[in-house]
C-alpha cells in the first residue's frame, strides 16, 4: 500500500477539517509527544484552541523494544495488555521494573516540555487527544484514562490512522472517535501511511509548541 499522508502536518490538517465544528467550543487539544505534537498543531490553530500535552509512554517488550505490552502516564497509571503479558511470561516484578524505568522518561519529558507549567484545567472543556496513529492503542488508552480523571465534559480521540485492533480497544472509551483511515492489515506500522515519517527530537517538540504560542498571540 502506498502512503496516504505527506507528513504529520498534512495529516493534522485532515483532522482539523473533521474537527472544525469544535471551534469556539472551549476545546483543549492534548497532543501525545513526540509525533502527535506536529499533528495536533494545525488542529489547535484551526479550532483556536489551547494546545497542550498528555504524556504517556509505551512499556516495551524486553525482547523487542519496538513492541509494547502497555503504556504508563505521569501519575504512574498503567494501561496493560494482560493477554500479551501472560503470553510473554512476564512476572509482576518484571512489569514493575520496566514501568519504573519508563516512568522516569515520562517524568523527564514532563519537565522538559512543560517547564513547570501545570496540566491544563479540563473541567467544562472538550478534551481532544491527538496522536499520529495507533498501532496497538494502549498508549492512547493510557492517555485517555489520564485525561478522564480531570473531568472534561467530553473526551475525543483524533488520529489520522489506526489498526483495526487499536480501534476496537479505544473506540468505546471516548465520547467521540475520529479516524479517517483504519487498516486491518496483519503487519501494521503507522510509519507506512506517511511519505515522511521520522522520530522527532525534544527540540522539535518545543519548537512546535513555541510556534503555536506565536500564532495564538494573534488571536
N, C-alpha and C. Protein backbone atom coordinates (compact mmCIF):
# COMPACT_ATOMS: atom_id res chain seq x y z
N UNK A 1 0.84 -1.20 0.00
CA UNK A 1 0.00 0.00 0.00
C UNK A 1 0.88 1.25 0.00
N UNK A 2 0.54 2.19 -0.84
CA UNK A 2 1.29 3.44 -0.86
C UNK A 2 0.88 4.31 0.32
N UNK A 3 1.75 5.25 0.68
CA UNK A 3 1.47 6.14 1.80
C UNK A 3 0.26 7.00 1.49
N UNK A 4 -0.39 7.47 2.55
CA UNK A 4 -1.61 8.27 2.43
C UNK A 4 -1.36 9.73 2.75
N UNK A 5 -0.56 9.98 3.78
CA UNK A 5 -0.30 11.34 4.23
C UNK A 5 1.11 11.76 3.86
N UNK A 6 1.26 13.01 3.45
CA UNK A 6 2.57 13.53 3.10
C UNK A 6 3.48 13.55 4.33
N UNK A 7 2.95 14.09 5.42
CA UNK A 7 3.69 14.16 6.68
C UNK A 7 2.69 14.39 7.80
N UNK A 8 3.18 14.57 9.01
CA UNK A 8 2.28 14.72 10.16
C UNK A 8 1.48 16.02 10.09
N UNK A 9 2.09 17.08 9.59
CA UNK A 9 1.38 18.35 9.49
C UNK A 9 0.18 18.22 8.56
N UNK A 10 0.38 17.60 7.41
CA UNK A 10 -0.72 17.41 6.46
C UNK A 10 -1.80 16.53 7.06
N UNK A 11 -1.41 15.50 7.79
CA UNK A 11 -2.39 14.65 8.47
C UNK A 11 -3.19 15.46 9.50
N UNK A 12 -2.50 16.39 10.15
CA UNK A 12 -3.18 17.26 11.11
C UNK A 12 -4.23 18.14 10.46
N UNK A 13 -3.95 18.61 9.26
CA UNK A 13 -4.93 19.42 8.55
C UNK A 13 -6.18 18.59 8.19
N UNK A 14 -5.97 17.32 7.88
CA UNK A 14 -7.11 16.44 7.61
C UNK A 14 -7.98 16.31 8.86
N UNK A 15 -7.34 16.12 10.01
CA UNK A 15 -8.10 16.02 11.26
C UNK A 15 -8.77 17.35 11.60
N UNK A 16 -8.08 18.44 11.33
CA UNK A 16 -8.64 19.77 11.63
C UNK A 16 -9.95 19.98 10.89
N UNK A 17 -10.01 19.53 9.63
CA UNK A 17 -11.25 19.65 8.87
C UNK A 17 -12.37 18.84 9.51
N UNK A 18 -12.03 17.66 10.00
CA UNK A 18 -13.03 16.78 10.61
C UNK A 18 -13.48 17.27 11.99
N UNK A 19 -12.67 18.13 12.60
CA UNK A 19 -12.97 18.65 13.94
C UNK A 19 -13.43 20.10 13.92
N UNK A 20 -13.63 20.67 12.75
CA UNK A 20 -13.90 22.10 12.61
C UNK A 20 -15.10 22.57 13.44
N UNK A 21 -16.06 21.70 13.65
CA UNK A 21 -17.27 22.10 14.40
C UNK A 21 -16.98 22.41 15.86
N UNK A 22 -15.79 22.05 16.34
CA UNK A 22 -15.45 22.33 17.73
C UNK A 22 -14.77 23.70 17.93
N UNK A 23 -14.64 24.46 16.86
CA UNK A 23 -14.12 25.82 17.02
C UNK A 23 -15.08 26.62 17.89
N UNK A 24 -14.55 27.30 18.89
CA UNK A 24 -15.38 28.08 19.79
C UNK A 24 -16.10 27.26 20.83
N UNK A 25 -15.73 25.97 20.98
CA UNK A 25 -16.42 25.09 21.93
C UNK A 25 -15.59 24.79 23.18
N UNK A 26 -14.69 25.70 23.54
CA UNK A 26 -13.85 25.53 24.74
C UNK A 26 -13.04 24.24 24.68
N UNK A 27 -12.50 23.96 23.52
CA UNK A 27 -11.72 22.73 23.35
C UNK A 27 -10.29 22.93 23.83
N UNK A 28 -9.71 21.84 24.35
CA UNK A 28 -8.30 21.78 24.67
C UNK A 28 -7.72 20.62 23.87
N UNK A 29 -6.74 20.90 23.03
CA UNK A 29 -6.11 19.87 22.21
C UNK A 29 -4.89 19.34 22.97
N UNK A 30 -4.90 18.04 23.22
CA UNK A 30 -3.84 17.41 24.01
C UNK A 30 -3.06 16.45 23.12
N UNK A 31 -1.86 16.86 22.77
CA UNK A 31 -1.01 16.06 21.88
C UNK A 31 -0.23 15.03 22.67
N UNK A 32 -0.08 13.85 22.08
CA UNK A 32 0.79 12.82 22.64
C UNK A 32 2.16 12.95 21.99
N UNK A 33 3.18 13.35 22.76
CA UNK A 33 4.52 13.51 22.16
C UNK A 33 5.15 12.14 21.89
N UNK A 34 6.08 12.07 20.94
CA UNK A 34 6.51 13.29 20.29
C UNK A 34 5.72 13.57 19.01
N UNK A 35 5.49 12.53 18.20
CA UNK A 35 4.91 12.73 16.88
C UNK A 35 3.55 13.40 16.87
N UNK A 36 2.76 13.17 17.90
CA UNK A 36 1.42 13.74 17.94
C UNK A 36 1.40 15.25 18.03
N UNK A 37 2.51 15.85 18.42
CA UNK A 37 2.55 17.31 18.56
C UNK A 37 2.43 17.99 17.19
N UNK A 38 3.13 17.46 16.20
CA UNK A 38 3.02 18.05 14.86
C UNK A 38 1.62 17.86 14.27
N UNK A 39 0.98 16.75 14.55
CA UNK A 39 -0.38 16.51 14.07
C UNK A 39 -1.36 17.46 14.76
N UNK A 40 -1.15 17.67 16.04
CA UNK A 40 -2.07 18.49 16.84
C UNK A 40 -1.96 19.98 16.53
N UNK A 41 -0.80 20.41 16.05
CA UNK A 41 -0.60 21.84 15.81
C UNK A 41 -1.66 22.45 14.89
N UNK A 42 -1.87 21.92 13.67
CA UNK A 42 -2.90 22.52 12.82
C UNK A 42 -4.31 22.35 13.38
N UNK A 43 -4.53 21.32 14.17
CA UNK A 43 -5.85 21.15 14.80
C UNK A 43 -6.12 22.29 15.77
N UNK A 44 -5.15 22.56 16.65
CA UNK A 44 -5.32 23.62 17.65
C UNK A 44 -5.46 24.98 16.98
N UNK A 45 -4.68 25.23 15.92
CA UNK A 45 -4.76 26.51 15.23
C UNK A 45 -6.13 26.67 14.56
N UNK A 46 -6.59 25.62 13.91
CA UNK A 46 -7.88 25.68 13.22
C UNK A 46 -9.03 25.93 14.22
N UNK A 47 -8.97 25.29 15.37
CA UNK A 47 -10.04 25.41 16.37
C UNK A 47 -9.85 26.61 17.29
N UNK A 48 -8.70 27.28 17.15
CA UNK A 48 -8.34 28.36 18.09
C UNK A 48 -8.46 27.85 19.52
N UNK A 49 -7.88 26.70 19.71
CA UNK A 49 -7.96 26.01 21.00
C UNK A 49 -6.60 25.99 21.68
N UNK A 50 -6.61 25.79 22.97
CA UNK A 50 -5.37 25.62 23.71
C UNK A 50 -4.68 24.35 23.25
N UNK A 51 -3.39 24.42 22.98
CA UNK A 51 -2.58 23.24 22.67
C UNK A 51 -1.73 22.90 23.87
N UNK A 52 -1.88 21.67 24.36
CA UNK A 52 -1.07 21.22 25.48
C UNK A 52 -0.70 19.76 25.23
N UNK A 53 -0.13 19.11 26.23
CA UNK A 53 0.38 17.76 26.07
C UNK A 53 -0.20 16.81 27.11
N UNK A 54 -0.40 15.57 26.71
CA UNK A 54 -0.61 14.47 27.64
C UNK A 54 0.46 13.45 27.28
N UNK A 55 1.21 12.98 28.30
CA UNK A 55 2.46 12.28 28.02
C UNK A 55 2.45 10.85 28.57
N UNK A 56 1.86 9.93 27.81
CA UNK A 56 2.04 8.51 28.13
C UNK A 56 3.29 7.98 27.44
N UNK A 57 3.67 6.77 27.78
CA UNK A 57 4.86 6.17 27.15
C UNK A 57 4.67 4.67 27.09
N UNK A 58 5.02 4.11 25.96
CA UNK A 58 4.91 2.66 25.75
C UNK A 58 5.78 1.88 26.73
N UNK A 59 5.28 0.75 27.22
CA UNK A 59 6.06 -0.19 28.02
C UNK A 59 6.59 -1.25 27.05
N UNK A 60 7.89 -1.23 26.76
CA UNK A 60 8.42 -2.08 25.71
C UNK A 60 8.56 -3.55 26.11
N UNK A 61 8.32 -4.41 25.14
CA UNK A 61 8.58 -5.84 25.33
C UNK A 61 10.10 -6.03 25.43
N UNK A 62 10.58 -6.77 26.44
CA UNK A 62 12.04 -6.90 26.64
C UNK A 62 12.79 -7.40 25.41
N UNK A 63 12.20 -8.30 24.66
CA UNK A 63 12.90 -8.88 23.51
C UNK A 63 12.73 -8.06 22.23
N UNK A 64 11.86 -7.04 22.28
CA UNK A 64 11.60 -6.24 21.08
C UNK A 64 11.11 -4.87 21.52
N UNK A 65 12.01 -3.91 21.58
CA UNK A 65 11.68 -2.58 22.11
C UNK A 65 10.66 -1.85 21.25
N UNK A 66 10.50 -2.26 19.99
CA UNK A 66 9.51 -1.62 19.13
C UNK A 66 8.09 -2.04 19.50
N UNK A 67 7.94 -3.20 20.09
CA UNK A 67 6.63 -3.69 20.51
C UNK A 67 6.37 -3.28 21.96
N UNK A 68 5.10 -3.19 22.31
CA UNK A 68 4.76 -2.79 23.66
C UNK A 68 3.68 -3.68 24.25
N UNK A 69 3.71 -3.83 25.58
CA UNK A 69 2.67 -4.60 26.26
C UNK A 69 1.75 -3.70 27.09
N UNK A 70 1.83 -2.39 26.84
CA UNK A 70 1.01 -1.44 27.56
C UNK A 70 1.66 -0.08 27.54
N UNK A 71 1.18 0.80 28.41
CA UNK A 71 1.72 2.16 28.49
C UNK A 71 1.50 2.70 29.89
N UNK A 72 2.24 3.77 30.22
CA UNK A 72 2.18 4.38 31.55
C UNK A 72 2.13 5.89 31.40
N UNK A 73 1.45 6.56 32.34
CA UNK A 73 1.35 8.02 32.33
C UNK A 73 2.10 8.60 33.52
N UNK A 74 2.16 9.92 33.57
CA UNK A 74 3.00 10.61 34.55
C UNK A 74 2.60 10.34 36.00
N UNK A 75 1.34 9.99 36.23
CA UNK A 75 0.92 9.69 37.60
C UNK A 75 1.14 8.23 37.97
N UNK A 76 1.79 7.48 37.07
CA UNK A 76 2.09 6.07 37.34
C UNK A 76 1.00 5.10 36.94
N UNK A 77 -0.11 5.61 36.41
CA UNK A 77 -1.20 4.73 35.99
C UNK A 77 -0.80 3.96 34.73
N UNK A 78 -1.24 2.72 34.64
CA UNK A 78 -0.87 1.87 33.52
C UNK A 78 -2.11 1.38 32.77
N UNK A 79 -1.95 1.23 31.47
CA UNK A 79 -2.92 0.52 30.64
C UNK A 79 -2.18 -0.68 30.08
N UNK A 80 -2.59 -1.88 30.48
CA UNK A 80 -1.81 -3.08 30.19
C UNK A 80 -2.56 -4.07 29.30
N UNK A 81 -1.82 -4.69 28.41
CA UNK A 81 -2.33 -5.78 27.59
C UNK A 81 -2.07 -7.07 28.35
N UNK A 82 -3.02 -7.45 29.18
CA UNK A 82 -2.83 -8.59 30.06
C UNK A 82 -2.60 -9.89 29.30
N UNK A 83 -3.29 -10.05 28.17
CA UNK A 83 -3.11 -11.28 27.38
C UNK A 83 -1.69 -11.39 26.86
N UNK A 84 -1.13 -10.27 26.42
CA UNK A 84 0.24 -10.29 25.91
C UNK A 84 1.24 -10.53 27.04
N UNK A 85 0.99 -9.93 28.18
CA UNK A 85 1.87 -10.14 29.34
C UNK A 85 1.91 -11.62 29.71
N UNK A 86 0.75 -12.26 29.70
CA UNK A 86 0.68 -13.69 30.00
C UNK A 86 1.41 -14.50 28.95
N UNK A 87 1.20 -14.16 27.68
CA UNK A 87 1.85 -14.87 26.58
C UNK A 87 3.37 -14.76 26.68
N UNK A 88 3.85 -13.57 27.04
CA UNK A 88 5.29 -13.33 27.15
C UNK A 88 5.89 -13.95 28.41
N UNK A 89 5.02 -14.30 29.36
CA UNK A 89 5.51 -14.87 30.61
C UNK A 89 6.16 -13.85 31.53
N UNK A 90 5.78 -12.59 31.40
CA UNK A 90 6.37 -11.55 32.25
C UNK A 90 5.80 -11.65 33.66
N UNK A 91 6.66 -11.57 34.65
CA UNK A 91 6.22 -11.59 36.04
C UNK A 91 5.83 -10.18 36.48
N UNK A 92 5.12 -10.08 37.60
CA UNK A 92 4.74 -8.78 38.13
C UNK A 92 5.97 -7.92 38.39
N UNK A 93 7.01 -8.53 38.91
CA UNK A 93 8.22 -7.76 39.22
C UNK A 93 8.90 -7.26 37.95
N UNK A 94 8.86 -8.06 36.89
CA UNK A 94 9.44 -7.63 35.62
C UNK A 94 8.64 -6.46 35.03
N UNK A 95 7.32 -6.56 35.11
CA UNK A 95 6.46 -5.47 34.64
C UNK A 95 6.75 -4.21 35.44
N UNK A 96 6.86 -4.35 36.77
CA UNK A 96 7.12 -3.20 37.64
C UNK A 96 8.47 -2.56 37.31
N UNK A 97 9.47 -3.38 37.05
CA UNK A 97 10.80 -2.85 36.75
C UNK A 97 10.79 -2.05 35.45
N UNK A 98 10.14 -2.59 34.43
CA UNK A 98 10.05 -1.87 33.16
C UNK A 98 9.26 -0.59 33.33
N UNK A 99 8.14 -0.67 34.07
CA UNK A 99 7.30 0.51 34.30
C UNK A 99 8.06 1.61 35.03
N UNK A 100 8.89 1.23 35.99
CA UNK A 100 9.67 2.21 36.75
C UNK A 100 10.66 2.94 35.82
N UNK A 101 11.30 2.18 34.94
CA UNK A 101 12.26 2.78 34.02
C UNK A 101 11.55 3.73 33.04
N UNK A 102 10.41 3.31 32.52
CA UNK A 102 9.70 4.14 31.55
C UNK A 102 9.11 5.37 32.22
N UNK A 103 8.63 5.22 33.45
CA UNK A 103 8.06 6.36 34.17
C UNK A 103 9.11 7.46 34.36
N UNK A 104 10.35 7.08 34.55
CA UNK A 104 11.42 8.08 34.69
C UNK A 104 11.52 8.92 33.42
N UNK A 105 11.39 8.28 32.25
CA UNK A 105 11.43 9.01 30.98
C UNK A 105 10.19 9.88 30.80
N UNK A 106 9.04 9.39 31.23
CA UNK A 106 7.82 10.21 31.16
C UNK A 106 7.99 11.47 32.00
N UNK A 107 8.52 11.32 33.19
CA UNK A 107 8.71 12.48 34.07
C UNK A 107 9.76 13.43 33.50
N UNK A 108 10.78 12.87 32.85
CA UNK A 108 11.77 13.74 32.21
C UNK A 108 11.11 14.57 31.12
N UNK A 109 10.26 13.95 30.33
CA UNK A 109 9.57 14.68 29.27
C UNK A 109 8.61 15.72 29.85
N UNK A 110 7.94 15.38 30.93
CA UNK A 110 7.06 16.34 31.59
C UNK A 110 7.85 17.60 31.96
N UNK A 111 9.01 17.39 32.57
CA UNK A 111 9.84 18.52 32.99
C UNK A 111 10.37 19.29 31.79
N UNK A 112 10.83 18.57 30.78
CA UNK A 112 11.43 19.21 29.61
C UNK A 112 10.40 19.99 28.80
N UNK A 113 9.24 19.41 28.60
CA UNK A 113 8.25 20.04 27.73
C UNK A 113 7.40 21.08 28.45
N UNK A 114 7.13 20.85 29.71
CA UNK A 114 6.25 21.77 30.44
C UNK A 114 7.01 22.91 31.11
N UNK A 115 8.21 22.63 31.56
CA UNK A 115 8.96 23.67 32.24
C UNK A 115 8.26 24.19 33.48
N UNK A 116 7.60 23.31 34.20
CA UNK A 116 6.90 23.72 35.41
C UNK A 116 5.45 24.11 35.22
N UNK A 117 5.01 24.18 33.97
CA UNK A 117 3.61 24.53 33.69
C UNK A 117 2.70 23.38 34.09
N UNK A 118 1.64 23.63 34.85
CA UNK A 118 0.76 22.55 35.29
C UNK A 118 -0.09 22.01 34.14
N UNK A 119 -0.63 20.83 34.34
CA UNK A 119 -1.55 20.26 33.36
C UNK A 119 -2.77 21.16 33.29
N UNK A 120 -3.32 21.39 32.10
CA UNK A 120 -4.43 22.34 31.97
C UNK A 120 -5.70 21.90 32.67
N UNK A 121 -6.48 22.85 33.10
CA UNK A 121 -7.80 22.59 33.69
C UNK A 121 -8.73 22.12 32.57
N UNK A 122 -9.40 20.99 32.80
CA UNK A 122 -10.27 20.42 31.76
C UNK A 122 -11.75 20.45 32.12
N UNK A 123 -12.08 20.78 33.34
CA UNK A 123 -13.49 20.83 33.73
C UNK A 123 -14.25 21.79 32.82
N UNK A 124 -15.38 21.32 32.29
CA UNK A 124 -16.23 22.11 31.38
C UNK A 124 -15.58 22.35 30.02
N UNK A 125 -14.53 21.61 29.70
CA UNK A 125 -13.87 21.74 28.40
C UNK A 125 -14.00 20.44 27.61
N UNK A 126 -13.94 20.56 26.30
CA UNK A 126 -13.85 19.40 25.42
C UNK A 126 -12.37 19.05 25.27
N UNK A 127 -11.99 17.85 25.67
CA UNK A 127 -10.60 17.41 25.56
C UNK A 127 -10.43 16.59 24.30
N UNK A 128 -9.54 17.04 23.41
CA UNK A 128 -9.28 16.34 22.15
C UNK A 128 -7.87 15.78 22.20
N UNK A 129 -7.76 14.47 22.35
CA UNK A 129 -6.46 13.80 22.41
C UNK A 129 -6.04 13.46 20.98
N UNK A 130 -4.80 13.82 20.63
CA UNK A 130 -4.32 13.67 19.25
C UNK A 130 -2.99 12.93 19.24
N UNK A 131 -2.88 11.94 18.35
CA UNK A 131 -1.59 11.29 18.10
C UNK A 131 -1.44 11.09 16.60
N UNK A 132 -0.26 10.63 16.17
CA UNK A 132 -0.02 10.47 14.73
C UNK A 132 -0.52 9.13 14.19
N UNK A 133 -0.98 8.25 15.06
CA UNK A 133 -1.53 6.97 14.64
C UNK A 133 -1.55 5.99 15.79
N UNK A 134 -2.35 4.94 15.64
CA UNK A 134 -2.48 3.93 16.68
C UNK A 134 -2.09 2.56 16.12
N UNK A 135 -1.10 1.94 16.74
CA UNK A 135 -0.72 0.59 16.36
C UNK A 135 -1.47 -0.41 17.24
N UNK A 136 -1.13 -0.43 18.54
CA UNK A 136 -1.86 -1.29 19.48
C UNK A 136 -3.00 -0.55 20.17
N UNK A 137 -2.83 0.76 20.35
CA UNK A 137 -3.84 1.58 21.01
C UNK A 137 -3.63 1.78 22.49
N UNK A 138 -2.67 1.08 23.09
CA UNK A 138 -2.52 1.16 24.54
C UNK A 138 -1.93 2.49 25.01
N UNK A 139 -1.09 3.11 24.21
CA UNK A 139 -0.58 4.43 24.59
C UNK A 139 -1.72 5.44 24.60
N UNK A 140 -2.57 5.39 23.59
CA UNK A 140 -3.73 6.28 23.56
C UNK A 140 -4.69 5.97 24.71
N UNK A 141 -4.88 4.70 25.02
CA UNK A 141 -5.77 4.32 26.12
C UNK A 141 -5.25 4.88 27.44
N UNK A 142 -3.95 4.81 27.67
CA UNK A 142 -3.36 5.38 28.88
C UNK A 142 -3.62 6.89 28.93
N UNK A 143 -3.45 7.55 27.80
CA UNK A 143 -3.69 9.00 27.73
C UNK A 143 -5.16 9.31 28.02
N UNK A 144 -6.06 8.54 27.43
CA UNK A 144 -7.49 8.75 27.64
C UNK A 144 -7.85 8.62 29.12
N UNK A 145 -7.34 7.58 29.75
CA UNK A 145 -7.64 7.36 31.17
C UNK A 145 -7.11 8.51 32.03
N UNK A 146 -5.93 8.99 31.68
CA UNK A 146 -5.34 10.12 32.40
C UNK A 146 -6.20 11.37 32.26
N UNK A 147 -6.67 11.62 31.05
CA UNK A 147 -7.49 12.80 30.78
C UNK A 147 -8.84 12.70 31.48
N UNK A 148 -9.44 11.53 31.48
CA UNK A 148 -10.74 11.35 32.11
C UNK A 148 -10.73 11.71 33.60
N UNK A 149 -9.61 11.49 34.25
CA UNK A 149 -9.51 11.82 35.67
C UNK A 149 -9.65 13.32 35.91
N UNK A 150 -9.42 14.12 34.89
CA UNK A 150 -9.52 15.58 35.01
C UNK A 150 -10.93 16.09 34.73
N UNK A 151 -11.88 15.19 34.53
CA UNK A 151 -13.31 15.51 34.43
C UNK A 151 -13.67 16.50 33.31
N UNK A 152 -13.19 16.28 32.09
CA UNK A 152 -13.67 17.12 30.99
C UNK A 152 -15.13 16.80 30.68
N UNK A 153 -15.80 17.71 30.01
CA UNK A 153 -17.20 17.43 29.68
C UNK A 153 -17.32 16.45 28.53
N UNK A 154 -16.25 16.32 27.75
CA UNK A 154 -16.27 15.39 26.63
C UNK A 154 -14.82 15.02 26.28
N UNK A 155 -14.59 13.76 25.93
CA UNK A 155 -13.26 13.31 25.50
C UNK A 155 -13.36 12.80 24.08
N UNK A 156 -12.52 13.36 23.21
CA UNK A 156 -12.46 12.97 21.81
C UNK A 156 -11.06 12.45 21.53
N UNK A 157 -10.97 11.35 20.80
CA UNK A 157 -9.68 10.86 20.33
C UNK A 157 -9.65 11.05 18.82
N UNK A 158 -8.62 11.76 18.33
CA UNK A 158 -8.49 12.02 16.90
C UNK A 158 -7.11 11.60 16.42
N UNK A 159 -7.08 10.68 15.47
CA UNK A 159 -5.82 10.19 14.90
C UNK A 159 -6.00 10.02 13.40
N UNK A 160 -4.94 10.18 12.62
CA UNK A 160 -5.07 10.02 11.17
C UNK A 160 -5.29 8.58 10.73
N UNK A 161 -4.67 7.62 11.45
CA UNK A 161 -4.72 6.22 11.03
C UNK A 161 -4.64 5.32 12.26
N UNK A 162 -5.27 4.16 12.16
CA UNK A 162 -5.23 3.21 13.26
C UNK A 162 -5.40 1.79 12.73
N UNK A 163 -4.88 0.84 13.48
CA UNK A 163 -5.15 -0.56 13.18
C UNK A 163 -6.56 -0.88 13.65
N UNK A 164 -7.14 -1.91 13.08
CA UNK A 164 -8.48 -2.32 13.49
C UNK A 164 -8.50 -2.73 14.95
N UNK A 165 -7.46 -3.41 15.40
CA UNK A 165 -7.40 -3.83 16.79
C UNK A 165 -7.34 -2.66 17.74
N UNK A 166 -6.56 -1.64 17.40
CA UNK A 166 -6.48 -0.45 18.24
C UNK A 166 -7.82 0.26 18.30
N UNK A 167 -8.47 0.36 17.15
CA UNK A 167 -9.79 1.00 17.13
C UNK A 167 -10.76 0.28 18.06
N UNK A 168 -10.76 -1.04 18.03
CA UNK A 168 -11.65 -1.81 18.89
C UNK A 168 -11.35 -1.58 20.36
N UNK A 169 -10.08 -1.35 20.68
CA UNK A 169 -9.68 -1.13 22.07
C UNK A 169 -10.15 0.22 22.60
N UNK A 170 -10.01 1.27 21.80
CA UNK A 170 -10.20 2.62 22.31
C UNK A 170 -11.55 3.25 22.00
N UNK A 171 -12.20 2.78 20.97
CA UNK A 171 -13.39 3.49 20.49
C UNK A 171 -14.46 3.65 21.56
N UNK A 172 -14.69 2.62 22.35
CA UNK A 172 -15.74 2.67 23.37
C UNK A 172 -15.33 3.47 24.60
N UNK A 173 -14.06 3.88 24.65
CA UNK A 173 -13.55 4.58 25.84
C UNK A 173 -13.65 6.10 25.72
N UNK A 174 -14.11 6.59 24.59
CA UNK A 174 -14.21 8.04 24.37
C UNK A 174 -15.61 8.41 23.92
N UNK A 175 -15.94 9.67 24.05
CA UNK A 175 -17.24 10.16 23.61
C UNK A 175 -17.33 10.23 22.10
N UNK A 176 -16.19 10.51 21.46
CA UNK A 176 -16.15 10.54 20.00
C UNK A 176 -14.78 10.09 19.53
N UNK A 177 -14.79 9.26 18.51
CA UNK A 177 -13.54 8.74 17.94
C UNK A 177 -13.49 9.17 16.48
N UNK A 178 -12.41 9.87 16.11
CA UNK A 178 -12.26 10.37 14.75
C UNK A 178 -10.98 9.80 14.15
N UNK A 179 -11.15 9.03 13.09
CA UNK A 179 -10.00 8.42 12.42
C UNK A 179 -10.38 8.18 10.96
N UNK A 180 -9.81 8.94 10.04
CA UNK A 180 -10.19 8.81 8.62
C UNK A 180 -9.74 7.52 7.96
N UNK A 181 -8.79 6.80 8.56
CA UNK A 181 -8.28 5.60 7.92
C UNK A 181 -8.02 4.50 8.96
N UNK A 182 -8.71 3.38 8.80
CA UNK A 182 -8.49 2.21 9.64
C UNK A 182 -8.02 1.06 8.76
N UNK A 183 -7.00 0.36 9.23
CA UNK A 183 -6.42 -0.73 8.45
C UNK A 183 -6.49 -2.04 9.22
N UNK A 184 -6.85 -3.12 8.50
CA UNK A 184 -6.86 -4.44 9.11
C UNK A 184 -5.70 -5.29 8.60
N UNK A 185 -4.70 -4.65 8.01
CA UNK A 185 -3.53 -5.40 7.52
C UNK A 185 -2.86 -6.11 8.70
N UNK A 186 -2.37 -7.34 8.53
CA UNK A 186 -1.81 -8.11 9.65
C UNK A 186 -0.54 -7.50 10.23
N UNK A 187 0.29 -6.88 9.38
CA UNK A 187 1.51 -6.24 9.87
C UNK A 187 1.32 -4.73 9.74
N UNK A 188 0.96 -4.11 10.84
CA UNK A 188 0.59 -2.69 10.81
C UNK A 188 1.71 -1.84 11.36
N UNK A 189 2.06 -0.78 10.63
CA UNK A 189 3.05 0.19 11.10
C UNK A 189 2.56 1.58 10.74
N UNK A 190 2.46 2.45 11.71
CA UNK A 190 1.98 3.81 11.47
C UNK A 190 2.81 4.49 10.40
N UNK A 191 4.12 4.29 10.44
CA UNK A 191 5.03 4.97 9.51
C UNK A 191 4.71 4.67 8.05
N UNK A 192 4.14 3.50 7.77
CA UNK A 192 3.90 3.11 6.38
C UNK A 192 2.80 3.93 5.72
N UNK A 193 2.07 4.71 6.50
CA UNK A 193 0.99 5.52 5.95
C UNK A 193 1.42 6.97 5.70
N UNK A 194 2.70 7.25 5.91
CA UNK A 194 3.25 8.59 5.70
C UNK A 194 4.39 8.54 4.69
N UNK A 195 4.44 9.55 3.82
CA UNK A 195 5.60 9.68 2.93
C UNK A 195 6.84 10.05 3.74
N UNK A 196 6.66 10.95 4.69
CA UNK A 196 7.78 11.41 5.52
C UNK A 196 7.43 11.17 6.97
N UNK A 197 8.17 10.28 7.61
CA UNK A 197 7.87 9.91 8.98
C UNK A 197 9.18 9.60 9.69
N UNK A 198 9.45 10.29 10.76
CA UNK A 198 10.70 10.10 11.49
C UNK A 198 10.46 10.42 12.95
N UNK A 199 11.38 10.04 13.81
CA UNK A 199 11.26 10.31 15.24
C UNK A 199 11.65 11.76 15.52
N UNK A 200 10.75 12.50 16.12
CA UNK A 200 11.04 13.89 16.47
C UNK A 200 11.97 13.95 17.68
N UNK A 201 12.71 15.03 17.78
CA UNK A 201 13.54 15.28 18.95
C UNK A 201 12.78 16.15 19.95
N UNK A 202 13.32 16.23 21.15
CA UNK A 202 12.73 17.14 22.14
C UNK A 202 12.69 18.57 21.60
N UNK A 203 13.76 18.97 20.93
CA UNK A 203 13.84 20.33 20.42
C UNK A 203 12.75 20.61 19.39
N UNK A 204 12.45 19.63 18.56
CA UNK A 204 11.38 19.81 17.57
C UNK A 204 10.01 19.92 18.23
N UNK A 205 9.80 19.17 19.30
CA UNK A 205 8.55 19.29 20.06
C UNK A 205 8.41 20.70 20.62
N UNK A 206 9.48 21.19 21.24
CA UNK A 206 9.44 22.53 21.84
C UNK A 206 9.28 23.61 20.78
N UNK A 207 9.91 23.42 19.62
CA UNK A 207 9.77 24.39 18.53
C UNK A 207 8.32 24.46 18.06
N UNK A 208 7.67 23.32 17.97
CA UNK A 208 6.28 23.28 17.54
C UNK A 208 5.38 23.99 18.55
N UNK A 209 5.65 23.79 19.83
CA UNK A 209 4.86 24.45 20.87
C UNK A 209 5.07 25.97 20.82
N UNK A 210 6.31 26.39 20.63
CA UNK A 210 6.60 27.82 20.54
C UNK A 210 5.94 28.44 19.31
N UNK A 211 5.94 27.70 18.21
CA UNK A 211 5.28 28.19 17.00
C UNK A 211 3.79 28.39 17.25
N UNK A 212 3.17 27.44 17.95
CA UNK A 212 1.75 27.58 18.31
C UNK A 212 1.53 28.81 19.17
N UNK A 213 2.39 29.01 20.15
CA UNK A 213 2.24 30.16 21.05
C UNK A 213 2.31 31.48 20.29
N UNK A 214 3.18 31.55 19.30
CA UNK A 214 3.29 32.76 18.49
C UNK A 214 2.01 32.99 17.70
N UNK A 215 1.44 31.93 17.15
CA UNK A 215 0.19 32.06 16.41
C UNK A 215 -0.93 32.47 17.35
N UNK A 216 -0.99 31.84 18.52
CA UNK A 216 -2.07 32.11 19.47
C UNK A 216 -2.04 33.54 20.00
N UNK A 217 -0.85 34.13 20.03
CA UNK A 217 -0.74 35.52 20.50
C UNK A 217 -1.55 36.48 19.62
N UNK A 218 -1.78 36.10 18.37
CA UNK A 218 -2.50 36.96 17.45
C UNK A 218 -4.00 36.81 17.48
N UNK A 219 -4.52 35.90 18.32
CA UNK A 219 -5.96 35.69 18.38
C UNK A 219 -6.65 36.77 19.19
